[in-house]
PDB file of N, CA and C in Angstrom:
ATOM      1  N   MET A   1     138.864  59.759 170.143  1.00  0.00           N
ATOM      2  CA  MET A   1     138.608  61.113 169.705  1.00  0.00           C
ATOM      3  C   MET A   1     138.617  62.035 170.924  1.00  0.00           C
ATOM      4  N   GLU A   2     139.302  63.152 170.819  1.00  0.00           N
ATOM      5  CA  GLU A   2     139.414  64.093 171.921  1.00  0.00           C
ATOM      6  C   GLU A   2     138.129  64.899 172.070  1.00  0.00           C
ATOM      7  N   LYS A   3     137.692  65.018 173.318  1.00  0.00           N
ATOM      8  CA  LYS A   3     136.494  65.786 173.610  1.00  0.00           C
ATOM      9  C   LYS A   3     136.823  67.271 173.566  1.00  0.00           C
ATOM     10  N   LYS A   4     135.987  68.039 172.894  1.00  0.00           N
ATOM     11  CA  LYS A   4     136.204  69.472 172.764  1.00  0.00           C
ATOM     12  C   LYS A   4     135.295  70.206 173.740  1.00  0.00           C
ATOM     13  N   GLU A   5     135.868  71.098 174.518  1.00  0.00           N
ATOM     14  CA  GLU A   5     135.078  71.870 175.462  1.00  0.00           C
ATOM     15  C   GLU A   5     134.474  73.064 174.736  1.00  0.00           C
ATOM     16  N   LEU A   6     133.162  73.180 174.837  1.00  0.00           N
ATOM     17  CA  LEU A   6     132.462  74.276 174.186  1.00  0.00           C
ATOM     18  C   LEU A   6     132.290  75.437 175.147  1.00  0.00           C
ATOM     19  N   GLU A   7     132.512  76.634 174.641  1.00  0.00           N
ATOM     20  CA  GLU A   7     132.266  77.824 175.441  1.00  0.00           C
ATOM     21  C   GLU A   7     130.825  78.238 175.211  1.00  0.00           C
ATOM     22  N   MET A   8     130.042  78.251 176.293  1.00  0.00           N
ATOM     23  CA  MET A   8     128.636  78.621 176.187  1.00  0.00           C
ATOM     24  C   MET A   8     128.508  80.140 176.193  1.00  0.00           C
ATOM     25  N   LYS A   9     127.870  80.663 175.177  1.00  0.00           N
ATOM     26  CA  LYS A   9     127.600  82.092 175.117  1.00  0.00           C
ATOM     27  C   LYS A   9     126.185  82.318 175.605  1.00  0.00           C
ATOM     28  N   ARG A  10     126.037  83.147 176.574  1.00  0.00           N
ATOM     29  CA  ARG A  10     124.738  83.468 177.141  1.00  0.00           C
ATOM     30  C   ARG A  10     124.252  84.785 176.551  1.00  0.00           C
ATOM     31  N   PHE A  11     122.984  84.834 176.196  1.00  0.00           N
ATOM     32  CA  PHE A  11     122.389  86.001 175.559  1.00  0.00           C
ATOM     33  C   PHE A  11     122.745  87.301 176.285  1.00  0.00           C
ATOM     34  N   PHE A  12     122.458  87.348 177.571  1.00  0.00           N
ATOM     35  CA  PHE A  12     122.617  88.582 178.336  1.00  0.00           C
ATOM     36  C   PHE A  12     124.076  89.034 178.379  1.00  0.00           C
ATOM     37  N   ASN A  13     124.988  88.093 178.486  1.00  0.00           N
ATOM     38  CA  ASN A  13     126.413  88.436 178.576  1.00  0.00           C
ATOM     39  C   ASN A  13     126.964  88.988 177.268  1.00  0.00           C
ATOM     40  N   GLU A  14     126.285  88.715 176.164  1.00  0.00           N
ATOM     41  CA  GLU A  14     126.740  89.195 174.863  1.00  0.00           C
ATOM     42  C   GLU A  14     126.336  90.651 174.613  1.00  0.00           C
ATOM     43  N   LEU A  15     125.467  91.202 175.452  1.00  0.00           N
ATOM     44  CA  LEU A  15     125.033  92.595 175.303  1.00  0.00           C
ATOM     45  C   LEU A  15     126.032  93.545 175.957  1.00  0.00           C
ATOM     46  N   SER A  16     126.092  94.762 175.447  1.00  0.00           N
ATOM     47  CA  SER A  16     126.914  95.786 176.093  1.00  0.00           C
ATOM     48  C   SER A  16     126.292  96.124 177.444  1.00  0.00           C
ATOM     49  N   LYS A  17     127.068  96.711 178.337  1.00  0.00           N
ATOM     50  CA  LYS A  17     126.566  97.115 179.658  1.00  0.00           C
ATOM     51  C   LYS A  17     125.378  98.060 179.493  1.00  0.00           C
ATOM     52  N   GLU A  18     125.474  98.975 178.542  1.00  0.00           N
ATOM     53  CA  GLU A  18     124.385  99.925 178.282  1.00  0.00           C
ATOM     54  C   GLU A  18     123.103  99.192 177.877  1.00  0.00           C
ATOM     55  N   ASN A  19     123.224  98.206 176.999  1.00  0.00           N
ATOM     56  CA  ASN A  19     122.051  97.450 176.560  1.00  0.00           C
ATOM     57  C   ASN A  19     121.525  96.531 177.658  1.00  0.00           C
ATOM     58  N   GLN A  20     122.419  96.004 178.498  1.00  0.00           N
ATOM     59  CA  GLN A  20     121.970  95.212 179.641  1.00  0.00           C
ATOM     60  C   GLN A  20     121.104  96.072 180.564  1.00  0.00           C
ATOM     61  N   ASP A  21     121.592  97.277 180.869  1.00  0.00           N
ATOM     62  CA  ASP A  21     120.846  98.180 181.746  1.00  0.00           C
ATOM     63  C   ASP A  21     119.511  98.570 181.131  1.00  0.00           C
ATOM     64  N   LEU A  22     119.508  98.839 179.837  1.00  0.00           N
ATOM     65  CA  LEU A  22     118.281  99.208 179.134  1.00  0.00           C
ATOM     66  C   LEU A  22     117.281  98.061 179.206  1.00  0.00           C
ATOM     67  N   LEU A  23     117.734  96.868 178.952  1.00  0.00           N
ATOM     68  CA  LEU A  23     116.862  95.702 178.990  1.00  0.00           C
ATOM     69  C   LEU A  23     116.297  95.484 180.394  1.00  0.00           C
ATOM     70  N   LEU A  24     117.155  95.562 181.393  1.00  0.00           N
ATOM     71  CA  LEU A  24     116.699  95.351 182.772  1.00  0.00           C
ATOM     72  C   LEU A  24     115.689  96.415 183.205  1.00  0.00           C
ATOM     73  N   SER A  25     115.790  97.603 182.641  1.00  0.00           N
ATOM     74  CA  SER A  25     114.892  98.698 183.038  1.00  0.00           C
ATOM     75  C   SER A  25     113.445  98.455 182.609  1.00  0.00           C
ATOM     76  N   ILE A  26     113.208  97.596 181.627  1.00  0.00           N
ATOM     77  CA  ILE A  26     111.833  97.356 181.183  1.00  0.00           C
ATOM     78  C   ILE A  26     111.243  96.074 181.756  1.00  0.00           C
ATOM     79  N   GLY A  27     112.050  95.326 182.526  1.00  0.00           N
ATOM     80  CA  GLY A  27     111.577  94.069 183.085  1.00  0.00           C
ATOM     81  C   GLY A  27     111.189  94.190 184.544  1.00  0.00           C
ATOM     82  N   LEU A  28     110.540  93.165 185.051  1.00  0.00           N
ATOM     83  CA  LEU A  28     110.117  93.090 186.445  1.00  0.00           C
ATOM     84  C   LEU A  28     110.792  91.883 187.078  1.00  0.00           C
ATOM     85  N   GLU A  29     111.562  92.104 188.141  1.00  0.00           N
ATOM     86  CA  GLU A  29     112.231  90.992 188.820  1.00  0.00           C
ATOM     87  C   GLU A  29     111.221  90.223 189.651  1.00  0.00           C
ATOM     88  N   ILE A  30     111.206  88.913 189.471  1.00  0.00           N
ATOM     89  CA  ILE A  30     110.329  88.040 190.245  1.00  0.00           C
ATOM     90  C   ILE A  30     111.133  86.855 190.761  1.00  0.00           C
ATOM     91  N   THR A  31     110.607  86.209 191.782  1.00  0.00           N
ATOM     92  CA  THR A  31     111.207  84.960 192.253  1.00  0.00           C
ATOM     93  C   THR A  31     110.207  83.835 191.976  1.00  0.00           C
ATOM     94  N   ALA A  32     110.723  82.677 191.688  1.00  0.00           N
ATOM     95  CA  ALA A  32     109.874  81.521 191.406  1.00  0.00           C
ATOM     96  C   ALA A  32     110.464  80.305 192.101  1.00  0.00           C
ATOM     97  N   LYS A  33     109.632  79.615 192.822  1.00  0.00           N
ATOM     98  CA  LYS A  33     110.051  78.405 193.542  1.00  0.00           C
ATOM     99  C   LYS A  33     110.138  77.217 192.586  1.00  0.00           C
ATOM    100  N   SER A  34     110.959  76.275 192.940  1.00  0.00           N
ATOM    101  CA  SER A  34     111.050  75.028 192.190  1.00  0.00           C
ATOM    102  C   SER A  34     109.656  74.417 192.094  1.00  0.00           C
ATOM    103  N   GLY A  35     109.290  73.952 190.913  1.00  0.00           N
ATOM    104  CA  GLY A  35     107.961  73.391 190.698  1.00  0.00           C
ATOM    105  C   GLY A  35     106.989  74.362 190.046  1.00  0.00           C
ATOM    106  N   THR A  36     107.388  75.641 189.937  1.00  0.00           N
ATOM    107  CA  THR A  36     106.551  76.648 189.285  1.00  0.00           C
ATOM    108  C   THR A  36     106.651  76.490 187.771  1.00  0.00           C
ATOM    109  N   TYR A  37     105.513  76.575 187.095  1.00  0.00           N
ATOM    110  CA  TYR A  37     105.489  76.535 185.633  1.00  0.00           C
ATOM    111  C   TYR A  37     105.372  77.956 185.101  1.00  0.00           C
ATOM    112  N   LEU A  38     106.247  78.310 184.170  1.00  0.00           N
ATOM    113  CA  LEU A  38     106.220  79.644 183.561  1.00  0.00           C
ATOM    114  C   LEU A  38     105.241  79.694 182.402  1.00  0.00           C
ATOM    115  N   PHE A  39     105.159  78.611 181.660  1.00  0.00           N
ATOM    116  CA  PHE A  39     104.184  78.463 180.581  1.00  0.00           C
ATOM    117  C   PHE A  39     104.147  77.002 180.162  1.00  0.00           C
ATOM    118  N   TYR A  40     103.102  76.697 179.393  1.00  0.00           N
ATOM    119  CA  TYR A  40     102.893  75.320 178.949  1.00  0.00           C
ATOM    120  C   TYR A  40     102.938  75.226 177.429  1.00  0.00           C
ATOM    121  N   GLU A  41     103.331  74.072 176.958  1.00  0.00           N
ATOM    122  CA  GLU A  41     103.328  73.775 175.528  1.00  0.00           C
ATOM    123  C   GLU A  41     101.943  74.094 174.963  1.00  0.00           C
ATOM    124  N   GLY A  42     101.907  74.850 173.878  1.00  0.00           N
ATOM    125  CA  GLY A  42     100.643  75.229 173.244  1.00  0.00           C
ATOM    126  C   GLY A  42     100.142  76.600 173.645  1.00  0.00           C
ATOM    127  N   ASP A  43     100.680  77.165 174.741  1.00  0.00           N
ATOM    128  CA  ASP A  43     100.291  78.528 175.148  1.00  0.00           C
ATOM    129  C   ASP A  43     100.747  79.548 174.113  1.00  0.00           C
ATOM    130  N   PHE A  44     100.060  80.681 174.081  1.00  0.00           N
ATOM    131  CA  PHE A  44     100.538  81.799 173.283  1.00  0.00           C
ATOM    132  C   PHE A  44     101.518  82.577 174.159  1.00  0.00           C
ATOM    133  N   PRO A  45     102.697  82.912 173.652  1.00  0.00           N
ATOM    134  CA  PRO A  45     103.714  83.563 174.482  1.00  0.00           C
ATOM    135  C   PRO A  45     103.347  85.002 174.848  1.00  0.00           C
ATOM    136  N   GLU A  46     103.117  85.231 176.123  1.00  0.00           N
ATOM    137  CA  GLU A  46     102.818  86.579 176.603  1.00  0.00           C
ATOM    138  C   GLU A  46     104.022  87.214 177.278  1.00  0.00           C
ATOM    139  N   ASN A  47     104.902  86.382 177.811  1.00  0.00           N
ATOM    140  CA  ASN A  47     106.069  86.876 178.543  1.00  0.00           C
ATOM    141  C   ASN A  47     107.328  86.125 178.114  1.00  0.00           C
ATOM    142  N   VAL A  48     108.440  86.796 178.289  1.00  0.00           N
ATOM    143  CA  VAL A  48     109.756  86.197 178.096  1.00  0.00           C
ATOM    144  C   VAL A  48     110.494  86.408 179.410  1.00  0.00           C
ATOM    145  N   PHE A  49     111.300  85.442 179.813  1.00  0.00           N
ATOM    146  CA  PHE A  49     111.989  85.510 181.091  1.00  0.00           C
ATOM    147  C   PHE A  49     113.499  85.433 180.891  1.00  0.00           C
ATOM    148  N   LEU A  50     114.214  86.264 181.622  1.00  0.00           N
ATOM    149  CA  LEU A  50     115.670  86.206 181.687  1.00  0.00           C
ATOM    150  C   LEU A  50     116.018  85.595 183.033  1.00  0.00           C
ATOM    151  N   ILE A  51     116.758  84.514 183.020  1.00  0.00           N
ATOM    152  CA  ILE A  51     117.145  83.845 184.269  1.00  0.00           C
ATOM    153  C   ILE A  51     118.356  84.563 184.854  1.00  0.00           C
ATOM    154  N   ARG A  52     118.215  85.072 186.058  1.00  0.00           N
ATOM    155  CA  ARG A  52     119.330  85.712 186.759  1.00  0.00           C
ATOM    156  C   ARG A  52     119.964  84.747 187.744  1.00  0.00           C
ATOM    157  N   ASP A  53     119.174  83.781 188.230  1.00  0.00           N
ATOM    158  CA  ASP A  53     119.677  82.758 189.136  1.00  0.00           C
ATOM    159  C   ASP A  53     118.698  81.588 189.092  1.00  0.00           C
ATOM    160  N   GLY A  54     119.191  80.378 189.260  1.00  0.00           N
ATOM    161  CA  GLY A  54     118.328  79.206 189.244  1.00  0.00           C
ATOM    162  C   GLY A  54     118.359  78.505 187.895  1.00  0.00           C
ATOM    163  N   LYS A  55     117.434  77.540 187.746  1.00  0.00           N
ATOM    164  CA  LYS A  55     117.390  76.742 186.519  1.00  0.00           C
ATOM    165  C   LYS A  55     115.940  76.504 186.105  1.00  0.00           C
ATOM    166  N   VAL A  56     115.734  76.469 184.776  1.00  0.00           N
ATOM    167  CA  VAL A  56     114.407  76.221 184.208  1.00  0.00           C
ATOM    168  C   VAL A  56     114.539  75.099 183.181  1.00  0.00           C
ATOM    169  N   ARG A  57     113.702  74.074 183.339  1.00  0.00           N
ATOM    170  CA  ARG A  57     113.722  72.931 182.422  1.00  0.00           C
ATOM    171  C   ARG A  57     112.653  73.116 181.355  1.00  0.00           C
ATOM    172  N   LEU A  58     113.058  72.929 180.101  1.00  0.00           N
ATOM    173  CA  LEU A  58     112.113  72.936 178.993  1.00  0.00           C
ATOM    174  C   LEU A  58     111.819  71.492 178.626  1.00  0.00           C
ATOM    175  N   SER A  59     110.538  71.164 178.473  1.00  0.00           N
ATOM    176  CA  SER A  59     110.164  69.793 178.152  1.00  0.00           C
ATOM    177  C   SER A  59     109.039  69.767 177.123  1.00  0.00           C
ATOM    178  N   LYS A  60     108.863  68.599 176.519  1.00  0.00           N
ATOM    179  CA  LYS A  60     107.804  68.362 175.535  1.00  0.00           C
ATOM    180  C   LYS A  60     107.059  67.095 175.923  1.00  0.00           C
ATOM    181  N   MET A  61     105.812  67.041 175.472  1.00  0.00           N
ATOM    182  CA  MET A  61     105.012  65.836 175.669  1.00  0.00           C
ATOM    183  C   MET A  61     104.981  65.059 174.363  1.00  0.00           C
ATOM    184  N   THR A  62     105.119  63.744 174.463  1.00  0.00           N
ATOM    185  CA  THR A  62     105.013  62.898 173.279  1.00  0.00           C
ATOM    186  C   THR A  62     103.534  62.617 173.011  1.00  0.00           C
ATOM    187  N   ALA A  63     103.252  62.068 171.866  1.00  0.00           N
ATOM    188  CA  ALA A  63     101.876  61.751 171.494  1.00  0.00           C
ATOM    189  C   ALA A  63     101.227  60.776 172.480  1.00  0.00           C
ATOM    190  N   ASP A  64     102.052  59.924 173.113  1.00  0.00           N
ATOM    191  CA  ASP A  64     101.502  58.963 174.080  1.00  0.00           C
ATOM    192  C   ASP A  64     101.540  59.481 175.520  1.00  0.00           C
ATOM    193  N   GLY A  65     101.742  60.811 175.684  1.00  0.00           N
ATOM    194  CA  GLY A  65     101.640  61.430 177.005  1.00  0.00           C
ATOM    195  C   GLY A  65     102.871  61.377 177.876  1.00  0.00           C
ATOM    196  N   LYS A  66     104.003  60.982 177.322  1.00  0.00           N
ATOM    197  CA  LYS A  66     105.237  60.966 178.097  1.00  0.00           C
ATOM    198  C   LYS A  66     105.959  62.301 177.945  1.00  0.00           C
ATOM    199  N   GLU A  67     106.561  62.742 179.039  1.00  0.00           N
ATOM    200  CA  GLU A  67     107.285  64.011 179.030  1.00  0.00           C
ATOM    201  C   GLU A  67     108.782  63.743 178.892  1.00  0.00           C
ATOM    202  N   PHE A  68     109.449  64.535 178.047  1.00  0.00           N
ATOM    203  CA  PHE A  68     110.903  64.409 177.976  1.00  0.00           C
ATOM    204  C   PHE A  68     111.546  65.786 177.975  1.00  0.00           C
ATOM    205  N   SER A  69     112.695  65.880 178.617  1.00  0.00           N
ATOM    206  CA  SER A  69     113.422  67.150 178.724  1.00  0.00           C
ATOM    207  C   SER A  69     114.087  67.479 177.403  1.00  0.00           C
ATOM    208  N   VAL A  70     114.007  68.752 177.040  1.00  0.00           N
ATOM    209  CA  VAL A  70     114.606  69.230 175.808  1.00  0.00           C
ATOM    210  C   VAL A  70     115.865  70.038 176.107  1.00  0.00           C
ATOM    211  N   HIS A  71     115.800  70.854 177.174  1.00  0.00           N
ATOM    212  CA  HIS A  71     116.913  71.762 177.467  1.00  0.00           C
ATOM    213  C   HIS A  71     116.822  72.213 178.918  1.00  0.00           C
ATOM    214  N   LEU A  72     117.957  72.484 179.518  1.00  0.00           N
ATOM    215  CA  LEU A  72     118.007  73.060 180.858  1.00  0.00           C
ATOM    216  C   LEU A  72     118.604  74.457 180.723  1.00  0.00           C
ATOM    217  N   LYS A  73     117.777  75.462 180.981  1.00  0.00           N
ATOM    218  CA  LYS A  73     118.222  76.851 180.860  1.00  0.00           C
ATOM    219  C   LYS A  73     118.716  77.318 182.220  1.00  0.00           C
ATOM    220  N   GLN A  74     119.739  78.202 182.188  1.00  0.00           N
ATOM    221  CA  GLN A  74     120.306  78.700 183.434  1.00  0.00           C
ATOM    222  C   GLN A  74     120.689  80.173 183.323  1.00  0.00           C
ATOM    223  N   LYS A  75     121.455  80.638 184.279  1.00  0.00           N
ATOM    224  CA  LYS A  75     121.783  82.058 184.432  1.00  0.00           C
ATOM    225  C   LYS A  75     122.098  82.748 183.104  1.00  0.00           C
ATOM    226  N   ASP A  76     121.445  83.901 182.917  1.00  0.00           N
ATOM    227  CA  ASP A  76     121.641  84.804 181.774  1.00  0.00           C
ATOM    228  C   ASP A  76     121.128  84.256 180.442  1.00  0.00           C
ATOM    229  N   GLU A  77     120.267  83.221 180.504  1.00  0.00           N
ATOM    230  CA  GLU A  77     119.612  82.724 179.299  1.00  0.00           C
ATOM    231  C   GLU A  77     118.155  83.167 179.296  1.00  0.00           C
ATOM    232  N   LEU A  78     117.595  83.299 178.093  1.00  0.00           N
ATOM    233  CA  LEU A  78     116.192  83.650 177.935  1.00  0.00           C
ATOM    234  C   LEU A  78     115.343  82.391 177.865  1.00  0.00           C
ATOM    235  N   VAL A  79     114.114  82.516 178.362  1.00  0.00           N
ATOM    236  CA  VAL A  79     113.128  81.442 178.281  1.00  0.00           C
ATOM    237  C   VAL A  79     111.868  82.045 177.674  1.00  0.00           C
ATOM    238  N   GLY A  80     111.353  81.414 176.636  1.00  0.00           N
ATOM    239  CA  GLY A  80     110.140  81.888 175.985  1.00  0.00           C
ATOM    240  C   GLY A  80     110.396  82.783 174.794  1.00  0.00           C
ATOM    241  N   GLU A  81     111.651  82.915 174.420  1.00  0.00           N
ATOM    242  CA  GLU A  81     112.037  83.822 173.336  1.00  0.00           C
ATOM    243  C   GLU A  81     111.644  83.316 171.960  1.00  0.00           C
ATOM    244  N   VAL A  82     111.328  82.040 171.849  1.00  0.00           N
ATOM    245  CA  VAL A  82     110.984  81.474 170.549  1.00  0.00           C
ATOM    246  C   VAL A  82     109.740  82.152 169.966  1.00  0.00           C
ATOM    247  N   GLY A  83     108.851  82.625 170.816  1.00  0.00           N
ATOM    248  CA  GLY A  83     107.632  83.278 170.349  1.00  0.00           C
ATOM    249  C   GLY A  83     107.810  84.741 169.978  1.00  0.00           C
ATOM    250  N   LEU A  84     109.012  85.276 170.150  1.00  0.00           N
ATOM    251  CA  LEU A  84     109.235  86.684 169.815  1.00  0.00           C
ATOM    252  C   LEU A  84     109.095  86.904 168.315  1.00  0.00           C
ATOM    253  N   PHE A  85     108.523  88.029 167.963  1.00  0.00           N
ATOM    254  CA  PHE A  85     108.417  88.491 166.580  1.00  0.00           C
ATOM    255  C   PHE A  85     107.615  87.554 165.680  1.00  0.00           C
ATOM    256  N   ASN A  86     106.790  86.707 166.253  1.00  0.00           N
ATOM    257  CA  ASN A  86     105.888  85.880 165.439  1.00  0.00           C
ATOM    258  C   ASN A  86     104.665  85.526 166.282  1.00  0.00           C
ATOM    259  N   ASP A  87     103.692  84.953 165.664  1.00  0.00           N
ATOM    260  CA  ASP A  87     102.457  84.598 166.371  1.00  0.00           C
ATOM    261  C   ASP A  87     102.333  83.092 166.586  1.00  0.00           C
ATOM    262  N   MET A  88     103.467  82.439 166.757  1.00  0.00           N
ATOM    263  CA  MET A  88     103.458  80.994 166.963  1.00  0.00           C
ATOM    264  C   MET A  88     103.240  80.663 168.440  1.00  0.00           C
ATOM    265  N   SER A  89     102.575  79.550 168.687  1.00  0.00           N
ATOM    266  CA  SER A  89     102.408  79.107 170.068  1.00  0.00           C
ATOM    267  C   SER A  89     103.724  78.503 170.554  1.00  0.00           C
ATOM    268  N   ILE A  90     103.819  78.383 171.858  1.00  0.00           N
ATOM    269  CA  ILE A  90     105.027  77.851 172.481  1.00  0.00           C
ATOM    270  C   ILE A  90     105.065  76.332 172.277  1.00  0.00           C
ATOM    271  N   SER A  91     106.230  75.818 171.934  1.00  0.00           N
ATOM    272  CA  SER A  91     106.338  74.393 171.620  1.00  0.00           C
ATOM    273  C   SER A  91     106.888  73.558 172.775  1.00  0.00           C
ATOM    274  N   VAL A  92     107.128  74.197 173.932  1.00  0.00           N
ATOM    275  CA  VAL A  92     107.661  73.488 175.099  1.00  0.00           C
ATOM    276  C   VAL A  92     106.960  73.985 176.363  1.00  0.00           C
ATOM    277  N   THR A  93     107.132  73.231 177.428  1.00  0.00           N
ATOM    278  CA  THR A  93     106.685  73.641 178.760  1.00  0.00           C
ATOM    279  C   THR A  93     107.921  74.058 179.538  1.00  0.00           C
ATOM    280  N   ALA A  94     107.806  75.157 180.313  1.00  0.00           N
ATOM    281  CA  ALA A  94     108.942  75.645 181.108  1.00  0.00           C
ATOM    282  C   ALA A  94     108.621  75.516 182.595  1.00  0.00           C
ATOM    283  N   GLU A  95     109.426  74.714 183.289  1.00  0.00           N
ATOM    284  CA  GLU A  95     109.255  74.496 184.723  1.00  0.00           C
ATOM    285  C   GLU A  95     110.519  74.905 185.464  1.00  0.00           C
ATOM    286  N   VAL A  96     110.356  75.692 186.513  1.00  0.00           N
ATOM    287  CA  VAL A  96     111.479  76.055 187.368  1.00  0.00           C
ATOM    288  C   VAL A  96     111.863  74.799 188.152  1.00  0.00           C
ATOM    289  N   VAL A  97     113.122  74.382 188.031  1.00  0.00           N
ATOM    290  CA  VAL A  97     113.568  73.170 188.727  1.00  0.00           C
ATOM    291  C   VAL A  97     114.570  73.478 189.832  1.00  0.00           C
ATOM    292  N   GLU A  98     114.973  74.727 189.933  1.00  0.00           N
ATOM    293  CA  GLU A  98     115.813  75.211 191.024  1.00  0.00           C
ATOM    294  C   GLU A  98     115.338  76.628 191.305  1.00  0.00           C
ATOM    295  N   ASP A  99     114.982  76.916 192.572  1.00  0.00           N
ATOM    296  CA  ASP A  99     114.466  78.246 192.901  1.00  0.00           C
ATOM    297  C   ASP A  99     115.188  79.298 192.070  1.00  0.00           C
ATOM    298  N   ALA A 100     114.412  80.231 191.511  1.00  0.00           N
ATOM    299  CA  ALA A 100     114.986  81.132 190.518  1.00  0.00           C
ATOM    300  C   ALA A 100     114.623  82.584 190.773  1.00  0.00           C
ATOM    301  N   VAL A 101     115.522  83.447 190.334  1.00  0.00           N
ATOM    302  CA  VAL A 101     115.270  84.877 190.225  1.00  0.00           C
ATOM    303  C   VAL A 101     115.206  85.151 188.728  1.00  0.00           C
ATOM    304  N   LEU A 102     114.090  85.707 188.296  1.00  0.00           N
ATOM    305  CA  LEU A 102     113.851  85.927 186.872  1.00  0.00           C
ATOM    306  C   LEU A 102     113.522  87.388 186.618  1.00  0.00           C
ATOM    307  N   ILE A 103     113.835  87.848 185.433  1.00  0.00           N
ATOM    308  CA  ILE A 103     113.350  89.138 184.970  1.00  0.00           C
ATOM    309  C   ILE A 103     112.249  88.815 183.973  1.00  0.00           C
ATOM    310  N   LYS A 104     111.045  89.286 184.271  1.00  0.00           N
ATOM    311  CA  LYS A 104     109.883  89.003 183.431  1.00  0.00           C
ATOM    312  C   LYS A 104     109.652  90.196 182.502  1.00  0.00           C
ATOM    313  N   PHE A 105     109.582  89.899 181.204  1.00  0.00           N
ATOM    314  CA  PHE A 105     109.336  90.923 180.196  1.00  0.00           C
ATOM    315  C   PHE A 105     108.009  90.633 179.516  1.00  0.00           C
ATOM    316  N   GLU A 106     107.203  91.658 179.338  1.00  0.00           N
ATOM    317  CA  GLU A 106     106.018  91.499 178.513  1.00  0.00           C
ATOM    318  C   GLU A 106     106.494  91.452 177.073  1.00  0.00           C
ATOM    319  N   ARG A 107     105.992  90.501 176.332  1.00  0.00           N
ATOM    320  CA  ARG A 107     106.471  90.261 174.977  1.00  0.00           C
ATOM    321  C   ARG A 107     106.472  91.517 174.093  1.00  0.00           C
ATOM    322  N   PRO A 108     105.372  92.306 174.034  1.00  0.00           N
ATOM    323  CA  PRO A 108     105.397  93.494 173.159  1.00  0.00           C
ATOM    324  C   PRO A 108     106.493  94.496 173.531  1.00  0.00           C
ATOM    325  N   ALA A 109     106.713  94.705 174.818  1.00  0.00           N
ATOM    326  CA  ALA A 109     107.745  95.650 175.265  1.00  0.00           C
ATOM    327  C   ALA A 109     109.135  95.140 174.893  1.00  0.00           C
ATOM    328  N   LEU A 110     109.356  93.844 175.052  1.00  0.00           N
ATOM    329  CA  LEU A 110     110.661  93.267 174.712  1.00  0.00           C
ATOM    330  C   LEU A 110     110.895  93.315 173.205  1.00  0.00           C
ATOM    331  N   GLU A 111     109.869  93.017 172.423  1.00  0.00           N
ATOM    332  CA  GLU A 111     110.002  93.095 170.966  1.00  0.00           C
ATOM    333  C   GLU A 111     110.366  94.514 170.535  1.00  0.00           C
ATOM    334  N   GLU A 112     109.724  95.482 171.169  1.00  0.00           N
ATOM    335  CA  GLU A 112     109.992  96.880 170.815  1.00  0.00           C
ATOM    336  C   GLU A 112     111.423  97.281 171.157  1.00  0.00           C
ATOM    337  N   ILE A 113     111.865  96.970 172.362  1.00  0.00           N
ATOM    338  CA  ILE A 113     113.208  97.384 172.785  1.00  0.00           C
ATOM    339  C   ILE A 113     114.284  96.647 171.996  1.00  0.00           C
ATOM    340  N   LEU A 114     114.080  95.368 171.679  1.00  0.00           N
ATOM    341  CA  LEU A 114     115.055  94.642 170.877  1.00  0.00           C
ATOM    342  C   LEU A 114     115.100  95.202 169.455  1.00  0.00           C
ATOM    343  N   GLY A 115     113.950  95.593 168.935  1.00  0.00           N
ATOM    344  CA  GLY A 115     113.911  96.226 167.612  1.00  0.00           C
ATOM    345  C   GLY A 115     114.696  97.518 167.596  1.00  0.00           C
ATOM    346  N   VAL A 116     114.555  98.316 168.647  1.00  0.00           N
ATOM    347  CA  VAL A 116     115.308  99.578 168.763  1.00  0.00           C
ATOM    348  C   VAL A 116     116.801  99.282 168.842  1.00  0.00           C
ATOM    349  N   MET A 117     117.183  98.297 169.643  1.00  0.00           N
ATOM    350  CA  MET A 117     118.605  97.945 169.774  1.00  0.00           C
ATOM    351  C   MET A 117     119.188  97.566 168.414  1.00  0.00           C
ATOM    352  N   VAL A 118     118.462  96.771 167.659  1.00  0.00           N
ATOM    353  CA  VAL A 118     118.935  96.333 166.347  1.00  0.00           C
ATOM    354  C   VAL A 118     119.072  97.534 165.408  1.00  0.00           C
ATOM    355  N   ARG A 119     118.045  98.397 165.368  1.00  0.00           N
ATOM    356  CA  ARG A 119     118.098  99.565 164.480  1.00  0.00           C
ATOM    357  C   ARG A 119     119.254 100.498 164.843  1.00  0.00           C
ATOM    358  N   LEU A 120     119.463 100.738 166.122  1.00  0.00           N
ATOM    359  CA  LEU A 120     120.551 101.632 166.545  1.00  0.00           C
ATOM    360  C   LEU A 120     121.903 101.031 166.185  1.00  0.00           C
ATOM    361  N   ARG A 121     122.019  99.738 166.369  1.00  0.00           N
ATOM    362  CA  ARG A 121     123.301  99.072 166.038  1.00  0.00           C
ATOM    363  C   ARG A 121     123.578  99.144 164.538  1.00  0.00           C
ATOM    364  N   LEU A 122     122.520  99.029 163.735  1.00  0.00           N
ATOM    365  CA  LEU A 122     122.687  99.112 162.282  1.00  0.00           C
ATOM    366  C   LEU A 122     123.061 100.516 161.840  1.00  0.00           C
ATOM    367  N   LEU A 123     122.652 101.509 162.627  1.00  0.00           N
ATOM    368  CA  LEU A 123     122.931 102.889 162.251  1.00  0.00           C
ATOM    369  C   LEU A 123     124.347 103.321 162.647  1.00  0.00           C
ATOM    370  N   LEU A 124     124.985 102.587 163.538  1.00  0.00           N
ATOM    371  CA  LEU A 124     126.336 102.969 164.000  1.00  0.00           C
ATOM    372  C   LEU A 124     127.387 102.721 162.958  1.00  0.00           C
TER     373      LEU A 124
END
């Protein structure tokens, strides 16, 4: 069977330049060293992060205390977005595994700006 190459679509790259600039204007650029934890499984999501450089590993703990990797997030992907628009706790732990440059968004501000983007797009 022939292997099919998948084209990865990154959240940030799918936005228009205008929406990228708008989104970046409400975030705070931070750097995080490898080994830094952004949040832990079970936390309430307070922030969402856009990766501009580096890598973040998402992992889960099993009932017997073993950790396993779920996903490796990289440039132009969001981390912590699962908690947007709901009051659910985070189901994974996020650890920076390659020194990273991140844009940190406070969840309420990001929810508001994304809501505006959606409404404006629907009105066009």
